[in-house]
Amino acid sequence: MSESNSLTNSVSLEVWSARYLMARRLKNYSVLSIDGDRRDMRKFIRWCHERELYYPQEITPPILTRYRRYLFQCRKQDGQPLSQRTQRAYLVPLRGFFSWLTREKVLHYNPASELELPRMPYTLPQHLLSTDEVELILNHVDITAPLGLRNRAMLETLYSTGIRRQELSQLAINDIDLDQGMVMVRQGKGQKDRRIPIGDRALFWLEQYLRDQRPYIRHANQTEWLFISTNGLPLHPANLGVIVRRYIDAAGIEKVGCCHLFRHSMATAMLENGADIRFIQQMLGHADLKSTQIYTQVSNQALKAVHSKTHPAKMQRKATDEEKNEDE
């Protein structure tokens, strides 16, 4: 064995993992995406260490199959199994990692090349907010409280635009065009920019926040982030979720979710009110129209109207009613 190969074989999974994530960073993958991969790969590396596996060369297809079986059998603190989506999320970074190791000549073959991922179930959004429920949540924000205007502006922006929570956290002041009523979402999912409209009511609350509250937040003049914490730092997506969930709970609405509840509800309501699905696709930043078409399954109003108008039983009842009226 050559000296270079010997040195390569002595480099641990942790070190190669760090190098892989740095390579992804250099390719301009988002920080959030890389942080997620780091967390998921750390779980795999801990699992390997428990079985005295420390180097990439020790990982074989059967080892990865065992790990997949482990994820399938794994249970959360509440005793529930990991969802198919979560299992898949833990495995996807490994396929990228071992593919990269193979390209870098660290491995002679890719042990993850035939690793099968759990099939993603086709599920509809389980919880949606009605218009009345959205208004109830919004009205539970005390705008006289510290950061109340900020929180009201955040909720209004979520509902008006349907943007993701990480996209909301990354908004800068200059991304809001108050005159044109547009929002620039920079480097959204898939590292893509998009420019989308925002409603007058959301703009009203944004103007209130920018004029009456944000200038008085500590270190606000040292940053261009739109929504900031009491220390002048941009809000982390997880913290956004906590804030939104707090208002949903305060409104007494027992529906699962937080920021995505507003996204799903906006898309469904606009479809029911006649918006073209391709417009919704652009608003939500979906690369594939199939991702947007799920909302046509959730939107019940138009489907019920067509069913009521065209179903044979309904038509038969109408004909019977007409005959009775003629007899009378």
C-alpha atoms as a PDB file:
ATOM      1  CA  MET A   1       0.000   0.000   0.000  1.00  0.00           C
ATOM      2  CA  SER A   2       1.395   3.412  -0.950  1.00  0.00           C
ATOM      3  CA  GLU A   3       2.089   6.024   1.688  1.00  0.00           C
ATOM      4  CA  SER A   4      -0.660   8.325   0.334  1.00  0.00           C
ATOM      5  CA  ASN A   5      -3.230   5.535   0.501  1.00  0.00           C
ATOM      6  CA  SER A   6      -2.144   4.689   4.024  1.00  0.00           C
ATOM      7  CA  LEU A   7      -2.624   8.308   5.110  1.00  0.00           C
ATOM      8  CA  THR A   8      -6.023   8.476   3.429  1.00  0.00           C
ATOM      9  CA  ASN A   9      -7.183   5.313   5.155  1.00  0.00           C
ATOM     10  CA  SER A  10      -6.243   6.742   8.546  1.00  0.00           C
ATOM     11  CA  VAL A  11      -8.557   9.762   8.211  1.00  0.00           C
ATOM     12  CA  SER A  12     -11.707   9.365  10.265  1.00  0.00           C
ATOM     13  CA  LEU A  13     -15.327   9.675   9.256  1.00  0.00           C
ATOM     14  CA  GLU A  14     -15.585  12.923  11.254  1.00  0.00           C
ATOM     15  CA  VAL A  15     -12.748  14.564   9.336  1.00  0.00           C
ATOM     16  CA  TRP A  16     -14.017  13.465   5.926  1.00  0.00           C
ATOM     17  CA  SER A  17     -17.498  14.609   6.902  1.00  0.00           C
ATOM     18  CA  ALA A  18     -16.182  18.086   7.743  1.00  0.00           C
ATOM     19  CA  ARG A  19     -14.308  18.238   4.428  1.00  0.00           C
ATOM     20  CA  TYR A  20     -17.408  17.166   2.535  1.00  0.00           C
ATOM     21  CA  LEU A  21     -19.527  19.866   4.148  1.00  0.00           C
ATOM     22  CA  MET A  22     -16.862  22.448   3.352  1.00  0.00           C
ATOM     23  CA  ALA A  23     -16.909  21.309  -0.283  1.00  0.00           C
ATOM     24  CA  ARG A  24     -20.665  21.852  -0.327  1.00  0.00           C
ATOM     25  CA  ARG A  25     -20.207  25.293   1.188  1.00  0.00           C
ATOM     26  CA  LEU A  26     -17.764  26.199  -1.575  1.00  0.00           C
ATOM     27  CA  LYS A  27     -20.415  25.147  -4.102  1.00  0.00           C
ATOM     28  CA  ASN A  28     -22.731  27.739  -2.547  1.00  0.00           C
ATOM     29  CA  TYR A  29     -25.166  25.407  -0.823  1.00  0.00           C
ATOM     30  CA  SER A  30     -27.159  27.274   1.819  1.00  0.00           C
ATOM     31  CA  VAL A  31     -25.980  27.400   5.426  1.00  0.00           C
ATOM     32  CA  LEU A  32     -29.294  25.905   6.579  1.00  0.00           C
ATOM     33  CA  SER A  33     -28.913  22.970   4.194  1.00  0.00           C
ATOM     34  CA  ILE A  34     -25.349  22.312   5.343  1.00  0.00           C
ATOM     35  CA  ASP A  35     -26.310  22.571   9.010  1.00  0.00           C
ATOM     36  CA  GLY A  36     -29.051  20.008   8.403  1.00  0.00           C
ATOM     37  CA  ASP A  37     -26.618  17.634   6.692  1.00  0.00           C
ATOM     38  CA  ARG A  38     -24.138  18.053   9.547  1.00  0.00           C
ATOM     39  CA  ARG A  39     -26.782  17.143  12.109  1.00  0.00           C
ATOM     40  CA  ASP A  40     -27.997  14.111  10.153  1.00  0.00           C
ATOM     41  CA  MET A  41     -24.496  12.817   9.431  1.00  0.00           C
ATOM     42  CA  ARG A  42     -23.510  13.213  13.079  1.00  0.00           C
ATOM     43  CA  LYS A  43     -26.236  10.729  13.969  1.00  0.00           C
ATOM     44  CA  PHE A  44     -24.803   8.214  11.499  1.00  0.00           C
ATOM     45  CA  ILE A  45     -21.250   8.688  12.782  1.00  0.00           C
ATOM     46  CA  ARG A  46     -22.363   8.138  16.394  1.00  0.00           C
ATOM     47  CA  TRP A  47     -24.119   4.959  15.296  1.00  0.00           C
ATOM     48  CA  CYS A  48     -20.907   3.812  13.587  1.00  0.00           C
ATOM     49  CA  HIS A  49     -18.775   4.510  16.657  1.00  0.00           C
ATOM     50  CA  GLU A  50     -21.090   2.392  18.790  1.00  0.00           C
ATOM     51  CA  ARG A  51     -20.211  -0.479  16.448  1.00  0.00           C
ATOM     52  CA  GLU A  52     -16.485   0.364  16.368  1.00  0.00           C
ATOM     53  CA  LEU A  53     -16.585   1.704  12.828  1.00  0.00           C
ATOM     54  CA  TYR A  54     -14.363   4.746  12.480  1.00  0.00           C
ATOM     55  CA  TYR A  55     -13.198   5.072   8.868  1.00  0.00           C
ATOM     56  CA  PRO A  56     -14.957   5.379   5.481  1.00  0.00           C
ATOM     57  CA  GLN A  57     -13.204   2.238   4.218  1.00  0.00           C
ATOM     58  CA  GLU A  58     -15.063   0.219   6.875  1.00  0.00           C
ATOM     59  CA  ILE A  59     -18.494   1.208   5.568  1.00  0.00           C
ATOM     60  CA  THR A  60     -19.999  -1.391   3.228  1.00  0.00           C
ATOM     61  CA  PRO A  61     -23.448  -1.777   1.612  1.00  0.00           C
ATOM     62  CA  PRO A  62     -24.564  -4.226   4.337  1.00  0.00           C
ATOM     63  CA  ILE A  63     -23.522  -1.692   7.001  1.00  0.00           C
ATOM     64  CA  LEU A  64     -25.693   0.982   5.391  1.00  0.00           C
ATOM     65  CA  THR A  65     -28.562  -1.481   5.119  1.00  0.00           C
ATOM     66  CA  ARG A  66     -28.223  -2.136   8.857  1.00  0.00           C
ATOM     67  CA  TYR A  67     -28.335   1.605   9.503  1.00  0.00           C
ATOM     68  CA  ARG A  68     -31.470   1.937   7.433  1.00  0.00           C
ATOM     69  CA  ARG A  69     -33.038  -0.908   9.428  1.00  0.00           C
ATOM     70  CA  TYR A  70     -31.977   0.861  12.637  1.00  0.00           C
ATOM     71  CA  LEU A  71     -33.787   4.036  11.533  1.00  0.00           C
ATOM     72  CA  PHE A  72     -36.882   1.998  10.698  1.00  0.00           C
ATOM     73  CA  GLN A  73     -36.877   0.450  14.177  1.00  0.00           C
ATOM     74  CA  CYS A  74     -35.904   3.656  15.989  1.00  0.00           C
ATOM     75  CA  ARG A  75     -38.485   5.186  18.334  1.00  0.00           C
ATOM     76  CA  LYS A  76     -38.899   8.755  19.494  1.00  0.00           C
ATOM     77  CA  GLN A  77     -39.332   9.747  23.131  1.00  0.00           C
ATOM     78  CA  ASP A  78     -43.095   9.408  22.827  1.00  0.00           C
ATOM     79  CA  GLY A  79     -42.710   5.838  21.545  1.00  0.00           C
ATOM     80  CA  GLN A  80     -43.679   6.703  17.975  1.00  0.00           C
ATOM     81  CA  PRO A  81     -41.531   5.526  15.010  1.00  0.00           C
ATOM     82  CA  LEU A  82     -39.641   7.952  12.827  1.00  0.00           C
ATOM     83  CA  SER A  83     -41.721   9.092   9.870  1.00  0.00           C
ATOM     84  CA  GLN A  84     -40.762   8.010   6.366  1.00  0.00           C
ATOM     85  CA  ARG A  85     -39.799  11.616   5.694  1.00  0.00           C
ATOM     86  CA  THR A  86     -37.440  11.717   8.694  1.00  0.00           C
ATOM     87  CA  GLN A  87     -35.846   8.380   7.822  1.00  0.00           C
ATOM     88  CA  ARG A  88     -35.272   9.609   4.298  1.00  0.00           C
ATOM     89  CA  ALA A  89     -33.768  12.869   5.588  1.00  0.00           C
ATOM     90  CA  TYR A  90     -31.167  10.908   7.573  1.00  0.00           C
ATOM     91  CA  LEU A  91     -30.190   8.792   4.566  1.00  0.00           C
ATOM     92  CA  VAL A  92     -30.029  11.353   1.745  1.00  0.00           C
ATOM     93  CA  PRO A  93     -26.873  13.131   3.063  1.00  0.00           C
ATOM     94  CA  LEU A  94     -25.099   9.766   3.266  1.00  0.00           C
ATOM     95  CA  ARG A  95     -25.680   9.102  -0.425  1.00  0.00           C
ATOM     96  CA  GLY A  96     -24.131  12.466  -1.250  1.00  0.00           C
ATOM     97  CA  PHE A  97     -21.268  11.943   1.194  1.00  0.00           C
ATOM     98  CA  PHE A  98     -20.180   8.529  -0.105  1.00  0.00           C
ATOM     99  CA  SER A  99     -20.619   9.608  -3.705  1.00  0.00           C
ATOM    100  CA  TRP A 100     -18.236  12.505  -2.992  1.00  0.00           C
ATOM    101  CA  LEU A 101     -15.732  10.191  -1.273  1.00  0.00           C
ATOM    102  CA  THR A 102     -15.734   7.999  -4.370  1.00  0.00           C
ATOM    103  CA  ARG A 103     -15.143  10.956  -6.689  1.00  0.00           C
ATOM    104  CA  GLU A 104     -12.301  12.102  -4.424  1.00  0.00           C
ATOM    105  CA  LYS A 105     -10.693   8.621  -4.764  1.00  0.00           C
ATOM    106  CA  VAL A 106     -10.975   8.053  -1.024  1.00  0.00           C
ATOM    107  CA  LEU A 107     -13.050   4.944  -1.755  1.00  0.00           C
ATOM    108  CA  HIS A 108     -12.713   2.537  -4.661  1.00  0.00           C
ATOM    109  CA  TYR A 109     -16.473   2.087  -4.885  1.00  0.00           C
ATOM    110  CA  ASN A 110     -19.553   3.821  -3.527  1.00  0.00           C
ATOM    111  CA  PRO A 111     -21.188   1.701  -0.807  1.00  0.00           C
ATOM    112  CA  ALA A 112     -24.305   3.880  -0.948  1.00  0.00           C
ATOM    113  CA  SER A 113     -24.836   3.580  -4.709  1.00  0.00           C
ATOM    114  CA  GLU A 114     -27.650   1.078  -4.256  1.00  0.00           C
ATOM    115  CA  LEU A 115     -28.968   2.353  -0.939  1.00  0.00           C
ATOM    116  CA  GLU A 116     -32.756   2.479  -1.253  1.00  0.00           C
ATOM    117  CA  LEU A 117     -34.558   5.404   0.307  1.00  0.00           C
ATOM    118  CA  PRO A 118     -37.941   5.064   2.009  1.00  0.00           C
ATOM    119  CA  ARG A 119     -40.792   5.907  -0.325  1.00  0.00           C
ATOM    120  CA  MET A 120     -42.372   9.228   0.450  1.00  0.00           C
ATOM    121  CA  PRO A 121     -46.089   8.887   1.176  1.00  0.00           C
ATOM    122  CA  TYR A 122     -48.391  11.141  -0.831  1.00  0.00           C
ATOM    123  CA  THR A 123     -50.135  13.072   1.919  1.00  0.00           C
ATOM    124  CA  LEU A 124     -52.287  16.171   1.882  1.00  0.00           C
ATOM    125  CA  PRO A 125     -51.806  18.997   4.391  1.00  0.00           C
ATOM    126  CA  GLN A 126     -53.708  17.728   7.427  1.00  0.00           C
ATOM    127  CA  HIS A 127     -54.467  21.101   8.963  1.00  0.00           C
ATOM    128  CA  LEU A 128     -55.584  24.349   7.365  1.00  0.00           C
ATOM    129  CA  LEU A 129     -56.640  27.625   8.899  1.00  0.00           C
ATOM    130  CA  SER A 130     -59.950  29.147   7.914  1.00  0.00           C
ATOM    131  CA  THR A 131     -60.124  32.873   7.225  1.00  0.00           C
ATOM    132  CA  ASP A 132     -61.799  33.403  10.604  1.00  0.00           C
ATOM    133  CA  GLU A 133     -59.080  31.414  12.380  1.00  0.00           C
ATOM    134  CA  VAL A 134     -56.339  33.478  10.720  1.00  0.00           C
ATOM    135  CA  GLU A 135     -58.035  36.676  11.851  1.00  0.00           C
ATOM    136  CA  LEU A 136     -58.373  35.288  15.366  1.00  0.00           C
ATOM    137  CA  ILE A 137     -54.645  34.525  15.504  1.00  0.00           C
ATOM    138  CA  LEU A 138     -53.671  37.929  14.146  1.00  0.00           C
ATOM    139  CA  ASN A 139     -55.888  39.721  16.644  1.00  0.00           C
ATOM    140  CA  HIS A 140     -54.199  37.898  19.532  1.00  0.00           C
ATOM    141  CA  VAL A 141     -51.019  39.869  18.905  1.00  0.00           C
ATOM    142  CA  ASP A 142     -50.733  42.679  21.452  1.00  0.00           C
ATOM    143  CA  ILE A 143     -49.171  45.442  19.369  1.00  0.00           C
ATOM    144  CA  THR A 144     -48.499  47.504  22.522  1.00  0.00           C
ATOM    145  CA  ALA A 145     -46.261  44.769  23.963  1.00  0.00           C
ATOM    146  CA  PRO A 146     -42.492  44.696  23.372  1.00  0.00           C
ATOM    147  CA  LEU A 147     -41.940  43.506  19.767  1.00  0.00           C
ATOM    148  CA  GLY A 148     -45.710  43.279  19.254  1.00  0.00           C
ATOM    149  CA  LEU A 149     -45.569  45.287  16.035  1.00  0.00           C
ATOM    150  CA  ARG A 150     -42.745  43.082  14.786  1.00  0.00           C
ATOM    151  CA  ASN A 151     -44.712  39.926  15.457  1.00  0.00           C
ATOM    152  CA  ARG A 152     -47.882  41.268  13.834  1.00  0.00           C
ATOM    153  CA  ALA A 153     -45.879  42.292  10.759  1.00  0.00           C
ATOM    154  CA  MET A 154     -44.268  38.828  10.602  1.00  0.00           C
ATOM    155  CA  LEU A 155     -47.603  37.012  10.766  1.00  0.00           C
ATOM    156  CA  GLU A 156     -49.145  39.315   8.174  1.00  0.00           C
ATOM    157  CA  THR A 157     -46.171  38.768   5.865  1.00  0.00           C
ATOM    158  CA  LEU A 158     -46.394  34.991   6.231  1.00  0.00           C
ATOM    159  CA  TYR A 159     -50.088  34.952   5.401  1.00  0.00           C
ATOM    160  CA  SER A 160     -49.907  37.482   2.581  1.00  0.00           C
ATOM    161  CA  THR A 161     -46.955  35.935   0.750  1.00  0.00           C
ATOM    162  CA  GLY A 162     -46.890  32.270   1.821  1.00  0.00           C
ATOM    163  CA  ILE A 163     -43.106  32.336   2.097  1.00  0.00           C
ATOM    164  CA  ARG A 164     -41.243  29.721   4.136  1.00  0.00           C
ATOM    165  CA  ARG A 165     -40.031  30.564   7.627  1.00  0.00           C
ATOM    166  CA  GLN A 166     -36.366  30.440   6.607  1.00  0.00           C
ATOM    167  CA  GLU A 167     -37.150  32.812   3.746  1.00  0.00           C
ATOM    168  CA  LEU A 168     -38.877  35.146   6.189  1.00  0.00           C
ATOM    169  CA  SER A 169     -35.867  35.070   8.512  1.00  0.00           C
ATOM    170  CA  GLN A 170     -33.549  36.044   5.646  1.00  0.00           C
ATOM    171  CA  LEU A 171     -35.510  39.085   4.478  1.00  0.00           C
ATOM    172  CA  ALA A 172     -33.634  42.368   4.478  1.00  0.00           C
ATOM    173  CA  ILE A 173     -35.235  45.812   4.702  1.00  0.00           C
ATOM    174  CA  ASN A 174     -34.422  46.521   1.068  1.00  0.00           C
ATOM    175  CA  ASP A 175     -36.166  43.318   0.001  1.00  0.00           C
ATOM    176  CA  ILE A 176     -39.515  45.004   0.727  1.00  0.00           C
ATOM    177  CA  ASP A 177     -40.685  47.403  -1.984  1.00  0.00           C
ATOM    178  CA  LEU A 178     -43.323  49.422  -0.145  1.00  0.00           C
ATOM    179  CA  ASP A 179     -44.186  51.484  -3.211  1.00  0.00           C
ATOM    180  CA  GLN A 180     -44.654  48.589  -5.618  1.00  0.00           C
ATOM    181  CA  GLY A 181     -46.015  46.171  -3.038  1.00  0.00           C
ATOM    182  CA  MET A 182     -43.459  43.476  -3.845  1.00  0.00           C
ATOM    183  CA  VAL A 183     -41.095  41.246  -1.864  1.00  0.00           C
ATOM    184  CA  MET A 184     -37.764  39.927  -3.117  1.00  0.00           C
ATOM    185  CA  VAL A 185     -37.082  36.464  -1.750  1.00  0.00           C
ATOM    186  CA  ARG A 186     -33.364  35.903  -2.160  1.00  0.00           C
ATOM    187  CA  GLN A 187     -31.811  32.459  -2.354  1.00  0.00           C
ATOM    188  CA  GLY A 188     -34.971  30.607  -1.396  1.00  0.00           C
ATOM    189  CA  LYS A 189     -35.249  26.835  -1.571  1.00  0.00           C
ATOM    190  CA  GLY A 190     -32.992  25.572  -4.335  1.00  0.00           C
ATOM    191  CA  GLN A 191     -30.904  28.769  -4.121  1.00  0.00           C
ATOM    192  CA  LYS A 192     -33.378  30.620  -6.343  1.00  0.00           C
ATOM    193  CA  ASP A 193     -34.533  34.226  -6.161  1.00  0.00           C
ATOM    194  CA  ARG A 194     -38.136  35.200  -6.797  1.00  0.00           C
ATOM    195  CA  ARG A 195     -40.135  38.427  -6.642  1.00  0.00           C
ATOM    196  CA  ILE A 196     -43.675  38.131  -5.354  1.00  0.00           C
ATOM    197  CA  PRO A 197     -46.509  40.501  -4.394  1.00  0.00           C
ATOM    198  CA  ILE A 198     -47.519  41.365  -0.855  1.00  0.00           C
ATOM    199  CA  GLY A 199     -50.911  42.722   0.177  1.00  0.00           C
ATOM    200  CA  ASP A 200     -51.793  46.196   1.383  1.00  0.00           C
ATOM    201  CA  ARG A 201     -52.662  45.069   4.901  1.00  0.00           C
ATOM    202  CA  ALA A 202     -49.295  43.356   5.371  1.00  0.00           C
ATOM    203  CA  LEU A 203     -47.564  46.461   4.008  1.00  0.00           C
ATOM    204  CA  PHE A 204     -49.456  48.616   6.517  1.00  0.00           C
ATOM    205  CA  TRP A 205     -48.128  46.577   9.448  1.00  0.00           C
ATOM    206  CA  LEU A 206     -44.631  46.477   7.989  1.00  0.00           C
ATOM    207  CA  GLU A 207     -44.632  50.255   7.750  1.00  0.00           C
ATOM    208  CA  GLN A 208     -45.810  50.511  11.363  1.00  0.00           C
ATOM    209  CA  TYR A 209     -43.030  48.190  12.507  1.00  0.00           C
ATOM    210  CA  LEU A 210     -40.310  49.921  10.479  1.00  0.00           C
ATOM    211  CA  ARG A 211     -41.362  53.363  11.684  1.00  0.00           C
ATOM    212  CA  ASP A 212     -42.440  52.854  15.277  1.00  0.00           C
ATOM    213  CA  GLN A 213     -40.552  49.855  16.634  1.00  0.00           C
ATOM    214  CA  ARG A 214     -37.586  48.570  14.686  1.00  0.00           C
ATOM    215  CA  PRO A 215     -35.462  51.775  15.031  1.00  0.00           C
ATOM    216  CA  TYR A 216     -35.647  51.398  18.829  1.00  0.00           C
ATOM    217  CA  ILE A 217     -34.479  47.788  18.976  1.00  0.00           C
ATOM    218  CA  ARG A 218     -30.929  47.408  20.238  1.00  0.00           C
ATOM    219  CA  HIS A 219     -28.289  47.513  17.440  1.00  0.00           C
ATOM    220  CA  ALA A 220     -31.030  47.902  14.813  1.00  0.00           C
ATOM    221  CA  ASN A 221     -29.004  50.508  12.932  1.00  0.00           C
ATOM    222  CA  GLN A 222     -26.130  48.044  12.546  1.00  0.00           C
ATOM    223  CA  THR A 223     -27.991  45.454  10.506  1.00  0.00           C
ATOM    224  CA  GLU A 224     -30.141  45.295   7.372  1.00  0.00           C
ATOM    225  CA  TRP A 225     -32.139  42.236   8.446  1.00  0.00           C
ATOM    226  CA  LEU A 226     -35.846  43.023   8.492  1.00  0.00           C
ATOM    227  CA  PHE A 227     -37.044  41.005  11.491  1.00  0.00           C
ATOM    228  CA  ILE A 228     -34.566  41.104  14.356  1.00  0.00           C
ATOM    229  CA  SER A 229     -34.388  39.976  17.979  1.00  0.00           C
ATOM    230  CA  THR A 230     -33.940  42.189  21.034  1.00  0.00           C
ATOM    231  CA  ASN A 231     -30.162  41.952  20.469  1.00  0.00           C
ATOM    232  CA  GLY A 232     -30.390  43.135  16.868  1.00  0.00           C
ATOM    233  CA  LEU A 233     -29.706  39.672  15.445  1.00  0.00           C
ATOM    234  CA  PRO A 234     -31.773  38.034  12.703  1.00  0.00           C
ATOM    235  CA  LEU A 235     -34.387  35.643  14.019  1.00  0.00           C
ATOM    236  CA  HIS A 236     -33.561  31.965  13.594  1.00  0.00           C
ATOM    237  CA  PRO A 237     -36.254  29.965  11.720  1.00  0.00           C
ATOM    238  CA  ALA A 238     -36.784  27.785  14.794  1.00  0.00           C
ATOM    239  CA  ASN A 239     -37.483  30.868  16.913  1.00  0.00           C
ATOM    240  CA  LEU A 240     -39.950  32.084  14.308  1.00  0.00           C
ATOM    241  CA  GLY A 241     -41.796  28.813  14.659  1.00  0.00           C
ATOM    242  CA  VAL A 242     -41.966  29.200  18.444  1.00  0.00           C
ATOM    243  CA  ILE A 243     -43.357  32.732  18.150  1.00  0.00           C
ATOM    244  CA  VAL A 244     -46.029  31.787  15.614  1.00  0.00           C
ATOM    245  CA  ARG A 245     -47.024  28.681  17.582  1.00  0.00           C
ATOM    246  CA  ARG A 246     -47.482  30.813  20.692  1.00  0.00           C
ATOM    247  CA  TYR A 247     -50.129  32.938  18.987  1.00  0.00           C
ATOM    248  CA  ILE A 248     -51.894  29.902  17.515  1.00  0.00           C
ATOM    249  CA  ASP A 249     -52.125  28.401  21.000  1.00  0.00           C
ATOM    250  CA  ALA A 250     -53.280  31.706  22.487  1.00  0.00           C
ATOM    251  CA  ALA A 251     -56.109  31.773  19.946  1.00  0.00           C
ATOM    252  CA  GLY A 252     -57.203  28.330  21.151  1.00  0.00           C
ATOM    253  CA  ILE A 253     -56.706  26.697  17.755  1.00  0.00           C
ATOM    254  CA  GLU A 254     -55.719  23.054  18.124  1.00  0.00           C
ATOM    255  CA  LYS A 255     -54.108  22.449  14.760  1.00  0.00           C
ATOM    256  CA  VAL A 256     -50.636  21.044  14.191  1.00  0.00           C
ATOM    257  CA  GLY A 257     -47.967  23.273  12.674  1.00  0.00           C
ATOM    258  CA  CYS A 258     -46.825  26.867  12.839  1.00  0.00           C
ATOM    259  CA  CYS A 259     -45.450  28.919   9.935  1.00  0.00           C
ATOM    260  CA  HIS A 260     -46.394  26.350   7.277  1.00  0.00           C
ATOM    261  CA  LEU A 261     -50.018  26.547   8.442  1.00  0.00           C
ATOM    262  CA  PHE A 262     -50.144  30.068   7.004  1.00  0.00           C
ATOM    263  CA  ARG A 263     -48.433  28.937   3.788  1.00  0.00           C
ATOM    264  CA  HIS A 264     -50.864  26.057   3.203  1.00  0.00           C
ATOM    265  CA  SER A 265     -53.885  28.149   4.150  1.00  0.00           C
ATOM    266  CA  MET A 266     -52.936  31.016   1.843  1.00  0.00           C
ATOM    267  CA  ALA A 267     -52.404  28.743  -1.159  1.00  0.00           C
ATOM    268  CA  THR A 268     -55.654  26.854  -0.622  1.00  0.00           C
ATOM    269  CA  ALA A 269     -57.721  30.003  -0.087  1.00  0.00           C
ATOM    270  CA  MET A 270     -56.347  31.684  -3.212  1.00  0.00           C
ATOM    271  CA  LEU A 271     -57.093  28.600  -5.328  1.00  0.00           C
ATOM    272  CA  GLU A 272     -60.647  28.490  -4.000  1.00  0.00           C
ATOM    273  CA  ASN A 273     -61.022  32.156  -4.891  1.00  0.00           C
ATOM    274  CA  GLY A 274     -60.024  31.504  -8.504  1.00  0.00           C
ATOM    275  CA  ALA A 275     -56.242  32.039  -8.642  1.00  0.00           C
ATOM    276  CA  ASP A 276     -54.450  30.196 -11.433  1.00  0.00           C
ATOM    277  CA  ILE A 277     -52.342  27.330 -10.129  1.00  0.00           C
ATOM    278  CA  ARG A 278     -49.238  28.594 -11.958  1.00  0.00           C
ATOM    279  CA  PHE A 279     -49.506  31.877 -10.081  1.00  0.00           C
ATOM    280  CA  ILE A 280     -49.617  29.914  -6.829  1.00  0.00           C
ATOM    281  CA  GLN A 281     -46.571  27.964  -7.999  1.00  0.00           C
ATOM    282  CA  GLN A 282     -44.657  31.208  -8.506  1.00  0.00           C
ATOM    283  CA  MET A 283     -45.777  32.580  -5.149  1.00  0.00           C
ATOM    284  CA  LEU A 284     -44.681  29.466  -3.255  1.00  0.00           C
ATOM    285  CA  GLY A 285     -41.415  29.035  -5.155  1.00  0.00           C
ATOM    286  CA  HIS A 286     -42.123  25.480  -6.311  1.00  0.00           C
ATOM    287  CA  ALA A 287     -39.760  24.232  -9.011  1.00  0.00           C
ATOM    288  CA  ASP A 288     -42.245  21.543 -10.075  1.00  0.00           C
ATOM    289  CA  LEU A 289     -45.940  22.186 -10.672  1.00  0.00           C
ATOM    290  CA  LYS A 290     -46.659  18.792  -9.085  1.00  0.00           C
ATOM    291  CA  SER A 291     -45.714  20.256  -5.701  1.00  0.00           C
ATOM    292  CA  THR A 292     -48.358  22.950  -6.149  1.00  0.00           C
ATOM    293  CA  GLN A 293     -51.063  20.642  -7.453  1.00  0.00           C
ATOM    294  CA  ILE A 294     -51.435  19.145  -3.999  1.00  0.00           C
ATOM    295  CA  TYR A 295     -53.442  22.238  -3.084  1.00  0.00           C
ATOM    296  CA  THR A 296     -56.017  21.418  -5.747  1.00  0.00           C
ATOM    297  CA  GLN A 297     -56.667  18.262  -3.717  1.00  0.00           C
ATOM    298  CA  VAL A 298     -57.171  20.293  -0.549  1.00  0.00           C
ATOM    299  CA  SER A 299     -59.353  22.970  -2.097  1.00  0.00           C
ATOM    300  CA  ASN A 300     -62.893  21.700  -1.553  1.00  0.00           C
ATOM    301  CA  GLN A 301     -65.084  24.626  -2.519  1.00  0.00           C
ATOM    302  CA  ALA A 302     -64.866  24.320  -6.307  1.00  0.00           C
ATOM    303  CA  LEU A 303     -65.014  20.523  -6.174  1.00  0.00           C
ATOM    304  CA  LYS A 304     -68.153  20.605  -4.029  1.00  0.00           C
ATOM    305  CA  ALA A 305     -69.794  23.093  -6.401  1.00  0.00           C
ATOM    306  CA  VAL A 306     -69.139  20.874  -9.425  1.00  0.00           C
ATOM    307  CA  HIS A 307     -70.286  17.779  -7.523  1.00  0.00           C
ATOM    308  CA  SER A 308     -73.494  19.482  -6.440  1.00  0.00           C
ATOM    309  CA  LYS A 309     -74.220  20.649  -9.984  1.00  0.00           C
ATOM    310  CA  THR A 310     -73.389  17.504 -11.930  1.00  0.00           C
ATOM    311  CA  HIS A 311     -73.812  14.406  -9.738  1.00  0.00           C
ATOM    312  CA  PRO A 312     -76.637  12.150 -11.046  1.00  0.00           C
ATOM    313  CA  ALA A 313     -78.331  11.871  -7.647  1.00  0.00           C
ATOM    314  CA  LYS A 314     -78.480  15.623  -7.330  1.00  0.00           C
ATOM    315  CA  MET A 315     -79.810  15.990 -10.868  1.00  0.00           C
ATOM    316  CA  GLN A 316     -82.455  13.297 -10.249  1.00  0.00           C
ATOM    317  CA  ARG A 317     -83.609  15.082  -7.113  1.00  0.00           C
ATOM    318  CA  LYS A 318     -83.873  18.332  -9.036  1.00  0.00           C
ATOM    319  CA  ALA A 319     -85.988  16.656 -11.717  1.00  0.00           C
ATOM    320  CA  THR A 320     -88.292  15.152  -9.060  1.00  0.00           C
ATOM    321  CA  ASP A 321     -88.718  18.523  -7.381  1.00  0.00           C
ATOM    322  CA  GLU A 322     -89.624  20.092 -10.722  1.00  0.00           C
ATOM    323  CA  GLU A 323     -92.282  17.391 -11.349  1.00  0.00           C
ATOM    324  CA  LYS A 324     -93.830  18.023  -7.921  1.00  0.00           C
ATOM    325  CA  ASN A 325     -94.011  21.738  -8.637  1.00  0.00           C
ATOM    326  CA  GLU A 326     -95.793  21.055 -11.934  1.00  0.00           C
ATOM    327  CA  ASP A 327     -98.340  18.775 -10.198  1.00  0.00           C
ATOM    328  CA  GLU A 328     -99.078  21.450  -7.645  1.00  0.00           C
END
